[in-house]
């Protein structure tokens, strides 16, 4: 069963277009990571020369991709839900329970965004770099913070709409 959007009308289409585009970019990033791993393994096997820092690139790529998928999943109400105890409750009560959980998720996403912003600031301040290649790490924190903030706003919007009976 396809997940249904918790957002109404034109706003819904705009938000879903933006979040779907970000999720597609996350998917493309995963394909790039898969290509990197394949190339590195082939290089290691055939020529004894893997791609330098391949593990770090995989870690970063997967982390950013996960954060890219969160906003779309949230606005589509696509997270796993266990409704064993609420399935016989009235629809309005179920919507309120879902809205409370959306607020809990929003709180966690807001906390993650705040922590990632703090991490980006510290990483920038101390000029932290990747271990094997001296590339700065703060942009990764900043990108993930932005994506977590978008997911936070999506969770908040969906919760408010569910409380209002419009979702």
N, C-alpha and C. Protein backbone atom coordinates (compact mmCIF):
# COMPACT_ATOMS: atom_id res chain seq x y z
N UNK A 1 0.84 -1.18 0.00
CA UNK A 1 0.00 0.00 0.00
C UNK A 1 0.89 1.24 0.00
N UNK A 2 0.57 2.15 -0.86
CA UNK A 2 1.38 3.37 -0.96
C UNK A 2 1.03 4.31 0.19
N UNK A 3 2.06 4.91 0.75
CA UNK A 3 1.85 5.88 1.84
C UNK A 3 1.16 7.11 1.27
N UNK A 4 0.25 7.66 2.04
CA UNK A 4 -0.47 8.85 1.62
C UNK A 4 0.13 10.08 2.28
N UNK A 5 0.10 11.17 1.57
CA UNK A 5 0.65 12.41 2.08
C UNK A 5 -0.20 12.95 3.22
N UNK A 6 0.46 13.52 4.22
CA UNK A 6 -0.24 14.15 5.32
C UNK A 6 -0.42 15.64 5.09
N UNK A 7 -0.13 16.16 3.89
CA UNK A 7 -0.19 17.58 3.63
C UNK A 7 -1.22 17.87 2.55
N UNK A 8 -2.01 18.96 2.69
CA UNK A 8 -3.08 19.22 1.74
C UNK A 8 -2.64 20.06 0.52
N UNK A 9 -3.35 19.88 -0.60
CA UNK A 9 -3.30 20.74 -1.76
C UNK A 9 -1.97 21.13 -2.35
N UNK A 10 -1.93 22.40 -2.74
CA UNK A 10 -0.75 22.96 -3.42
C UNK A 10 0.51 22.89 -2.54
N UNK A 11 0.34 23.18 -1.27
CA UNK A 11 1.45 23.09 -0.33
C UNK A 11 2.02 21.67 -0.35
N UNK A 12 1.13 20.68 -0.35
CA UNK A 12 1.55 19.30 -0.39
C UNK A 12 2.37 18.99 -1.63
N UNK A 13 1.90 19.42 -2.78
CA UNK A 13 2.63 19.15 -4.02
C UNK A 13 4.00 19.81 -4.01
N UNK A 14 4.08 21.03 -3.51
CA UNK A 14 5.36 21.74 -3.46
C UNK A 14 6.33 21.04 -2.54
N UNK A 15 5.87 20.72 -1.33
CA UNK A 15 6.73 20.07 -0.35
C UNK A 15 7.15 18.69 -0.85
N UNK A 16 6.20 17.95 -1.41
CA UNK A 16 6.54 16.61 -1.90
C UNK A 16 7.50 16.68 -3.09
N UNK A 17 7.37 17.68 -3.94
CA UNK A 17 8.30 17.84 -5.06
C UNK A 17 9.71 18.12 -4.55
N UNK A 18 9.81 19.02 -3.59
CA UNK A 18 11.12 19.35 -3.02
C UNK A 18 11.72 18.15 -2.32
N UNK A 19 10.93 17.51 -1.46
CA UNK A 19 11.47 16.38 -0.70
C UNK A 19 11.76 15.17 -1.60
N UNK A 20 10.95 14.98 -2.64
CA UNK A 20 11.21 13.89 -3.59
C UNK A 20 12.50 14.15 -4.36
N UNK A 21 12.72 15.39 -4.73
CA UNK A 21 13.96 15.74 -5.44
C UNK A 21 15.17 15.48 -4.55
N UNK A 22 15.08 15.86 -3.29
CA UNK A 22 16.18 15.62 -2.36
C UNK A 22 16.39 14.11 -2.18
N UNK A 23 15.30 13.35 -2.10
CA UNK A 23 15.42 11.89 -1.95
C UNK A 23 16.04 11.27 -3.20
N UNK A 24 15.69 11.78 -4.38
CA UNK A 24 16.30 11.28 -5.62
C UNK A 24 17.80 11.56 -5.63
N UNK A 25 18.18 12.76 -5.18
CA UNK A 25 19.61 13.08 -5.07
C UNK A 25 20.28 12.10 -4.11
N UNK A 26 19.60 11.76 -3.00
CA UNK A 26 20.13 10.77 -2.07
C UNK A 26 20.30 9.41 -2.74
N UNK A 27 19.34 9.02 -3.57
CA UNK A 27 19.45 7.77 -4.30
C UNK A 27 20.60 7.77 -5.28
N UNK A 28 20.79 8.89 -5.98
CA UNK A 28 21.92 9.02 -6.90
C UNK A 28 23.23 8.93 -6.13
N UNK A 29 23.26 9.55 -4.96
CA UNK A 29 24.45 9.47 -4.11
C UNK A 29 24.75 8.02 -3.74
N UNK A 30 23.71 7.25 -3.41
CA UNK A 30 23.93 5.83 -3.10
C UNK A 30 24.48 5.07 -4.30
N UNK A 31 24.00 5.39 -5.49
CA UNK A 31 24.53 4.75 -6.69
C UNK A 31 26.01 5.10 -6.90
N UNK A 32 26.34 6.36 -6.62
CA UNK A 32 27.75 6.77 -6.73
C UNK A 32 28.61 6.01 -5.72
N UNK A 33 28.09 5.88 -4.49
CA UNK A 33 28.82 5.14 -3.46
C UNK A 33 29.00 3.68 -3.88
N UNK A 34 27.95 3.08 -4.44
CA UNK A 34 28.06 1.69 -4.90
C UNK A 34 29.12 1.58 -6.01
N UNK A 35 29.14 2.55 -6.92
CA UNK A 35 30.15 2.56 -7.97
C UNK A 35 31.55 2.73 -7.40
N UNK A 36 31.67 3.58 -6.40
CA UNK A 36 32.96 3.79 -5.74
C UNK A 36 33.46 2.51 -5.10
N UNK A 37 32.58 1.83 -4.37
CA UNK A 37 32.96 0.58 -3.71
C UNK A 37 33.37 -0.46 -4.76
N UNK A 38 32.58 -0.58 -5.82
CA UNK A 38 32.88 -1.55 -6.87
C UNK A 38 34.23 -1.25 -7.52
N UNK A 39 34.45 0.01 -7.82
CA UNK A 39 35.72 0.42 -8.44
C UNK A 39 36.89 0.18 -7.50
N UNK A 40 36.70 0.49 -6.22
CA UNK A 40 37.78 0.31 -5.25
C UNK A 40 38.12 -1.17 -5.06
N UNK A 41 37.08 -2.00 -4.96
CA UNK A 41 37.32 -3.43 -4.80
C UNK A 41 37.99 -4.00 -6.04
N UNK A 42 37.52 -3.60 -7.22
CA UNK A 42 38.13 -4.07 -8.46
C UNK A 42 39.59 -3.60 -8.56
N UNK A 43 39.82 -2.35 -8.19
CA UNK A 43 41.19 -1.82 -8.20
C UNK A 43 42.09 -2.54 -7.23
N UNK A 44 41.55 -2.86 -6.06
CA UNK A 44 42.33 -3.60 -5.06
C UNK A 44 42.62 -5.01 -5.57
N UNK A 45 41.65 -5.65 -6.17
CA UNK A 45 41.79 -7.03 -6.62
C UNK A 45 42.68 -7.15 -7.86
N UNK A 46 42.46 -6.24 -8.83
CA UNK A 46 43.19 -6.34 -10.10
C UNK A 46 44.58 -5.71 -10.06
N UNK A 47 44.71 -4.58 -9.36
CA UNK A 47 45.95 -3.81 -9.43
C UNK A 47 46.60 -3.55 -8.07
N UNK A 48 46.01 -4.08 -7.02
CA UNK A 48 46.46 -3.81 -5.64
C UNK A 48 46.47 -2.32 -5.35
N UNK A 49 45.53 -1.58 -5.94
CA UNK A 49 45.42 -0.13 -5.72
C UNK A 49 43.95 0.25 -5.53
N UNK A 50 43.49 0.23 -4.28
CA UNK A 50 42.11 0.69 -4.03
C UNK A 50 42.03 2.21 -4.12
N UNK A 51 40.84 2.74 -4.14
CA UNK A 51 40.65 4.19 -4.11
C UNK A 51 41.02 4.68 -2.71
N UNK A 52 41.91 5.67 -2.62
CA UNK A 52 42.27 6.20 -1.30
C UNK A 52 41.05 6.77 -0.58
N UNK A 53 40.96 6.49 0.69
CA UNK A 53 39.89 7.00 1.57
C UNK A 53 38.51 6.48 1.18
N UNK A 54 38.44 5.32 0.53
CA UNK A 54 37.15 4.80 0.10
C UNK A 54 36.20 4.59 1.27
N UNK A 55 36.70 4.13 2.40
CA UNK A 55 35.84 3.92 3.57
C UNK A 55 35.23 5.24 4.04
N UNK A 56 36.02 6.28 4.06
CA UNK A 56 35.51 7.58 4.50
C UNK A 56 34.45 8.11 3.54
N UNK A 57 34.69 7.95 2.24
CA UNK A 57 33.69 8.41 1.27
C UNK A 57 32.39 7.62 1.39
N UNK A 58 32.50 6.33 1.67
CA UNK A 58 31.30 5.50 1.84
C UNK A 58 30.53 5.95 3.09
N UNK A 59 31.24 6.16 4.18
CA UNK A 59 30.59 6.62 5.42
C UNK A 59 29.85 7.93 5.19
N UNK A 60 30.51 8.86 4.56
CA UNK A 60 29.91 10.18 4.31
C UNK A 60 28.73 10.05 3.35
N UNK A 61 28.91 9.32 2.27
CA UNK A 61 27.84 9.17 1.28
C UNK A 61 26.60 8.53 1.86
N UNK A 62 26.77 7.47 2.63
CA UNK A 62 25.62 6.79 3.23
C UNK A 62 24.94 7.69 4.25
N UNK A 63 25.72 8.37 5.06
CA UNK A 63 25.14 9.27 6.07
C UNK A 63 24.32 10.39 5.44
N UNK A 64 24.86 11.02 4.42
CA UNK A 64 24.14 12.10 3.74
C UNK A 64 22.89 11.54 3.05
N UNK A 65 23.00 10.38 2.43
CA UNK A 65 21.85 9.77 1.75
C UNK A 65 20.71 9.49 2.73
N UNK A 66 21.04 8.97 3.89
CA UNK A 66 20.00 8.69 4.90
C UNK A 66 19.27 9.98 5.27
N UNK A 67 20.02 11.04 5.51
CA UNK A 67 19.38 12.31 5.84
C UNK A 67 18.59 12.87 4.66
N UNK A 68 18.99 12.54 3.43
CA UNK A 68 18.25 12.99 2.25
C UNK A 68 16.91 12.28 2.13
N UNK A 69 16.82 11.06 2.63
CA UNK A 69 15.56 10.31 2.54
C UNK A 69 14.56 10.69 3.63
N UNK A 70 15.03 11.19 4.75
CA UNK A 70 14.14 11.47 5.90
C UNK A 70 13.01 12.46 5.59
N UNK A 71 13.26 13.61 4.94
CA UNK A 71 12.15 14.54 4.73
C UNK A 71 11.01 13.94 3.89
N UNK A 72 11.34 13.25 2.82
CA UNK A 72 10.31 12.65 1.96
C UNK A 72 9.53 11.57 2.71
N UNK A 73 10.27 10.75 3.42
CA UNK A 73 9.61 9.69 4.19
C UNK A 73 8.65 10.28 5.21
N UNK A 74 9.05 11.37 5.84
CA UNK A 74 8.20 11.99 6.86
C UNK A 74 6.93 12.62 6.26
N UNK A 75 7.07 13.38 5.19
CA UNK A 75 5.88 14.04 4.64
C UNK A 75 4.93 13.05 3.99
N UNK A 76 5.43 11.88 3.62
CA UNK A 76 4.58 10.82 3.04
C UNK A 76 4.07 9.86 4.11
N UNK A 77 4.39 10.13 5.37
CA UNK A 77 4.02 9.24 6.48
C UNK A 77 4.49 7.81 6.18
N UNK A 78 5.72 7.70 5.73
CA UNK A 78 6.25 6.42 5.29
C UNK A 78 7.06 5.66 6.32
N UNK A 79 7.16 6.19 7.53
CA UNK A 79 7.90 5.47 8.56
C UNK A 79 7.11 4.26 9.00
N UNK A 80 7.79 3.28 9.52
CA UNK A 80 7.13 2.07 10.01
C UNK A 80 6.23 2.44 11.18
N UNK A 81 5.02 1.90 11.15
CA UNK A 81 4.07 2.16 12.24
C UNK A 81 3.51 0.83 12.73
N UNK A 82 3.44 0.68 14.02
CA UNK A 82 2.84 -0.51 14.62
C UNK A 82 1.55 -0.05 15.29
N UNK A 83 0.43 -0.49 14.73
CA UNK A 83 -0.86 -0.01 15.23
C UNK A 83 -1.66 -1.12 15.93
N UNK A 84 -0.98 -2.05 16.53
CA UNK A 84 -1.64 -3.18 17.18
C UNK A 84 -2.65 -2.73 18.22
N UNK A 85 -2.31 -1.72 18.99
CA UNK A 85 -3.18 -1.30 20.08
C UNK A 85 -4.15 -0.19 19.68
N UNK A 86 -3.95 0.42 18.54
CA UNK A 86 -4.80 1.55 18.16
C UNK A 86 -5.70 1.27 16.96
N UNK A 87 -5.58 0.11 16.33
CA UNK A 87 -6.31 -0.13 15.10
C UNK A 87 -7.83 -0.09 15.26
N UNK A 88 -8.34 -0.32 16.45
CA UNK A 88 -9.80 -0.30 16.65
C UNK A 88 -10.31 1.03 17.18
N UNK A 89 -9.41 1.97 17.38
CA UNK A 89 -9.81 3.29 17.85
C UNK A 89 -10.40 4.09 16.69
N UNK A 90 -11.20 5.11 17.00
CA UNK A 90 -11.75 5.96 15.93
C UNK A 90 -10.62 6.66 15.15
N UNK A 91 -10.89 6.98 13.90
CA UNK A 91 -9.89 7.59 13.01
C UNK A 91 -9.32 8.87 13.61
N UNK A 92 -10.16 9.68 14.24
CA UNK A 92 -9.70 10.94 14.83
C UNK A 92 -8.71 10.70 15.97
N UNK A 93 -8.96 9.68 16.76
CA UNK A 93 -8.04 9.34 17.86
C UNK A 93 -6.73 8.82 17.29
N UNK A 94 -6.82 7.97 16.26
CA UNK A 94 -5.61 7.47 15.61
C UNK A 94 -4.79 8.62 15.04
N UNK A 95 -5.47 9.60 14.44
CA UNK A 95 -4.76 10.76 13.88
C UNK A 95 -4.05 11.52 15.00
N UNK A 96 -4.71 11.66 16.15
CA UNK A 96 -4.09 12.37 17.28
C UNK A 96 -2.88 11.60 17.81
N UNK A 97 -2.99 10.28 17.91
CA UNK A 97 -1.87 9.46 18.36
C UNK A 97 -0.71 9.59 17.37
N UNK A 98 -1.02 9.50 16.08
CA UNK A 98 0.01 9.67 15.05
C UNK A 98 0.65 11.05 15.15
N UNK A 99 -0.16 12.06 15.40
CA UNK A 99 0.36 13.43 15.49
C UNK A 99 1.32 13.57 16.67
N UNK A 100 0.99 12.93 17.78
CA UNK A 100 1.89 12.97 18.94
C UNK A 100 3.23 12.34 18.58
N UNK A 101 3.19 11.20 17.89
CA UNK A 101 4.44 10.55 17.49
C UNK A 101 5.19 11.37 16.46
N UNK A 102 4.46 12.08 15.59
CA UNK A 102 5.13 12.99 14.66
C UNK A 102 5.84 14.11 15.41
N UNK A 103 5.22 14.58 16.49
CA UNK A 103 5.88 15.62 17.31
C UNK A 103 7.11 15.07 18.01
N UNK A 104 7.03 13.83 18.49
CA UNK A 104 8.20 13.20 19.12
C UNK A 104 9.33 13.09 18.09
N UNK A 105 8.99 12.63 16.89
CA UNK A 105 10.00 12.52 15.84
C UNK A 105 10.55 13.91 15.50
N UNK A 106 9.68 14.91 15.42
CA UNK A 106 10.14 16.27 15.12
C UNK A 106 11.13 16.74 16.19
N UNK A 107 10.84 16.42 17.44
CA UNK A 107 11.75 16.82 18.52
C UNK A 107 13.13 16.17 18.33
N UNK A 108 13.14 14.90 18.01
CA UNK A 108 14.42 14.22 17.77
C UNK A 108 15.13 14.79 16.56
N UNK A 109 14.39 15.04 15.49
CA UNK A 109 15.01 15.61 14.29
C UNK A 109 15.55 17.01 14.56
N UNK A 110 14.82 17.80 15.34
CA UNK A 110 15.31 19.12 15.73
C UNK A 110 16.58 19.01 16.56
N UNK A 111 16.61 18.04 17.46
CA UNK A 111 17.81 17.80 18.27
C UNK A 111 18.98 17.39 17.39
N UNK A 112 18.72 16.50 16.43
CA UNK A 112 19.78 16.08 15.50
C UNK A 112 20.30 17.27 14.70
N UNK A 113 19.38 18.09 14.20
CA UNK A 113 19.79 19.26 13.41
C UNK A 113 20.67 20.19 14.25
N UNK A 114 20.23 20.45 15.47
CA UNK A 114 21.00 21.31 16.37
C UNK A 114 22.39 20.71 16.62
N UNK A 115 22.45 19.42 16.90
CA UNK A 115 23.73 18.76 17.14
C UNK A 115 24.64 18.80 15.93
N UNK A 116 24.05 18.65 14.75
CA UNK A 116 24.85 18.69 13.52
C UNK A 116 25.35 20.10 13.23
N UNK A 117 24.54 21.11 13.51
CA UNK A 117 25.01 22.49 13.36
C UNK A 117 26.17 22.74 14.31
N UNK A 118 26.02 22.29 15.54
CA UNK A 118 27.10 22.44 16.52
C UNK A 118 28.35 21.70 16.06
N UNK A 119 28.17 20.49 15.52
CA UNK A 119 29.30 19.73 15.00
C UNK A 119 29.98 20.43 13.84
N UNK A 120 29.18 21.02 12.96
CA UNK A 120 29.74 21.76 11.82
C UNK A 120 30.56 22.95 12.30
N UNK A 121 30.03 23.67 13.28
CA UNK A 121 30.75 24.83 13.80
C UNK A 121 32.08 24.42 14.44
N UNK A 122 32.04 23.37 15.26
CA UNK A 122 33.27 22.90 15.91
C UNK A 122 34.27 22.39 14.88
N UNK A 123 33.77 21.62 13.94
CA UNK A 123 34.65 21.07 12.90
C UNK A 123 35.31 22.18 12.10
N UNK A 124 34.54 23.22 11.79
CA UNK A 124 35.09 24.36 11.07
C UNK A 124 36.11 25.11 11.92
N UNK A 125 35.74 25.33 13.20
CA UNK A 125 36.60 26.07 14.12
C UNK A 125 37.95 25.36 14.31
N UNK A 126 37.93 24.04 14.44
CA UNK A 126 39.15 23.29 14.68
C UNK A 126 39.78 22.75 13.40
N UNK A 127 39.21 23.13 12.26
CA UNK A 127 39.75 22.75 10.96
C UNK A 127 39.91 21.23 10.82
N UNK A 128 38.88 20.49 11.25
CA UNK A 128 38.93 19.03 11.17
C UNK A 128 38.86 18.58 9.72
N UNK A 129 39.59 17.53 9.44
CA UNK A 129 39.61 16.97 8.09
C UNK A 129 39.39 15.46 8.15
N UNK A 130 39.17 14.88 6.98
CA UNK A 130 39.08 13.42 6.90
C UNK A 130 40.44 12.86 7.31
N UNK A 131 40.46 11.61 7.74
CA UNK A 131 41.70 11.02 8.24
C UNK A 131 42.70 10.76 7.11
N UNK A 132 42.25 10.12 6.04
CA UNK A 132 43.18 9.72 4.98
C UNK A 132 43.43 10.82 3.95
N UNK A 133 42.47 11.69 3.76
CA UNK A 133 42.62 12.80 2.82
C UNK A 133 42.29 14.07 3.60
N UNK A 134 43.04 15.11 3.42
CA UNK A 134 42.84 16.30 4.25
C UNK A 134 41.74 17.22 3.70
N UNK A 135 40.56 16.64 3.46
CA UNK A 135 39.40 17.44 3.06
C UNK A 135 38.64 17.83 4.32
N UNK A 136 38.11 19.05 4.37
CA UNK A 136 37.36 19.46 5.56
C UNK A 136 36.07 18.65 5.71
N UNK A 137 35.70 18.39 6.95
CA UNK A 137 34.53 17.56 7.24
C UNK A 137 33.28 18.40 7.57
N UNK A 138 33.47 19.70 7.87
CA UNK A 138 32.34 20.51 8.30
C UNK A 138 31.22 20.62 7.26
N UNK A 139 31.50 20.62 5.94
CA UNK A 139 30.37 20.71 5.00
C UNK A 139 29.41 19.51 5.09
N UNK A 140 29.94 18.35 5.44
CA UNK A 140 29.08 17.17 5.59
C UNK A 140 28.11 17.39 6.75
N UNK A 141 28.63 17.88 7.87
CA UNK A 141 27.78 18.20 9.01
C UNK A 141 26.71 19.22 8.61
N UNK A 142 27.12 20.24 7.90
CA UNK A 142 26.18 21.31 7.51
C UNK A 142 25.09 20.78 6.59
N UNK A 143 25.45 19.96 5.62
CA UNK A 143 24.44 19.39 4.71
C UNK A 143 23.46 18.52 5.49
N UNK A 144 23.96 17.66 6.35
CA UNK A 144 23.08 16.80 7.14
C UNK A 144 22.21 17.61 8.10
N UNK A 145 22.75 18.70 8.64
CA UNK A 145 21.95 19.58 9.51
C UNK A 145 20.80 20.19 8.73
N UNK A 146 21.07 20.65 7.52
CA UNK A 146 20.01 21.22 6.69
C UNK A 146 18.95 20.20 6.36
N UNK A 147 19.36 19.00 6.02
CA UNK A 147 18.39 17.94 5.69
C UNK A 147 17.58 17.53 6.92
N UNK A 148 18.22 17.47 8.09
CA UNK A 148 17.49 17.16 9.33
C UNK A 148 16.51 18.27 9.66
N UNK A 149 16.88 19.51 9.39
CA UNK A 149 15.97 20.64 9.64
C UNK A 149 14.75 20.57 8.72
N UNK A 150 14.96 20.19 7.47
CA UNK A 150 13.82 20.04 6.54
C UNK A 150 12.90 18.92 7.02
N UNK A 151 13.47 17.81 7.47
CA UNK A 151 12.67 16.71 8.01
C UNK A 151 11.92 17.15 9.27
N UNK A 152 12.58 17.94 10.12
CA UNK A 152 11.95 18.48 11.32
C UNK A 152 10.72 19.31 10.95
N UNK A 153 10.88 20.21 9.98
CA UNK A 153 9.75 21.05 9.57
C UNK A 153 8.63 20.22 8.96
N UNK A 154 8.99 19.20 8.19
CA UNK A 154 7.98 18.30 7.63
C UNK A 154 7.22 17.57 8.71
N UNK A 155 7.93 17.05 9.72
CA UNK A 155 7.27 16.34 10.82
C UNK A 155 6.35 17.27 11.59
N UNK A 156 6.79 18.50 11.80
CA UNK A 156 5.97 19.49 12.50
C UNK A 156 4.70 19.79 11.71
N UNK A 157 4.85 20.01 10.40
CA UNK A 157 3.69 20.33 9.55
C UNK A 157 2.70 19.18 9.53
N UNK A 158 3.18 17.97 9.38
CA UNK A 158 2.29 16.81 9.36
C UNK A 158 1.57 16.66 10.70
N UNK A 159 2.27 16.85 11.81
CA UNK A 159 1.65 16.75 13.12
C UNK A 159 0.56 17.80 13.30
N UNK A 160 0.85 19.02 12.93
CA UNK A 160 -0.14 20.10 13.07
C UNK A 160 -1.38 19.80 12.24
N UNK A 161 -1.18 19.32 11.03
CA UNK A 161 -2.31 19.00 10.16
C UNK A 161 -3.11 17.81 10.70
N UNK A 162 -2.44 16.84 11.30
CA UNK A 162 -3.17 15.71 11.88
C UNK A 162 -3.97 16.13 13.10
N UNK A 163 -3.39 17.02 13.91
CA UNK A 163 -4.14 17.53 15.06
C UNK A 163 -5.35 18.32 14.60
N UNK A 164 -5.22 19.01 13.47
CA UNK A 164 -6.32 19.81 12.93
C UNK A 164 -7.35 18.99 12.17
N UNK A 165 -7.11 17.70 12.04
CA UNK A 165 -8.06 16.83 11.35
C UNK A 165 -8.00 16.92 9.83
N UNK A 166 -6.94 17.51 9.28
CA UNK A 166 -6.84 17.67 7.83
C UNK A 166 -5.96 16.61 7.19
N UNK A 167 -5.47 15.69 7.97
CA UNK A 167 -4.61 14.65 7.38
C UNK A 167 -5.23 13.30 7.56
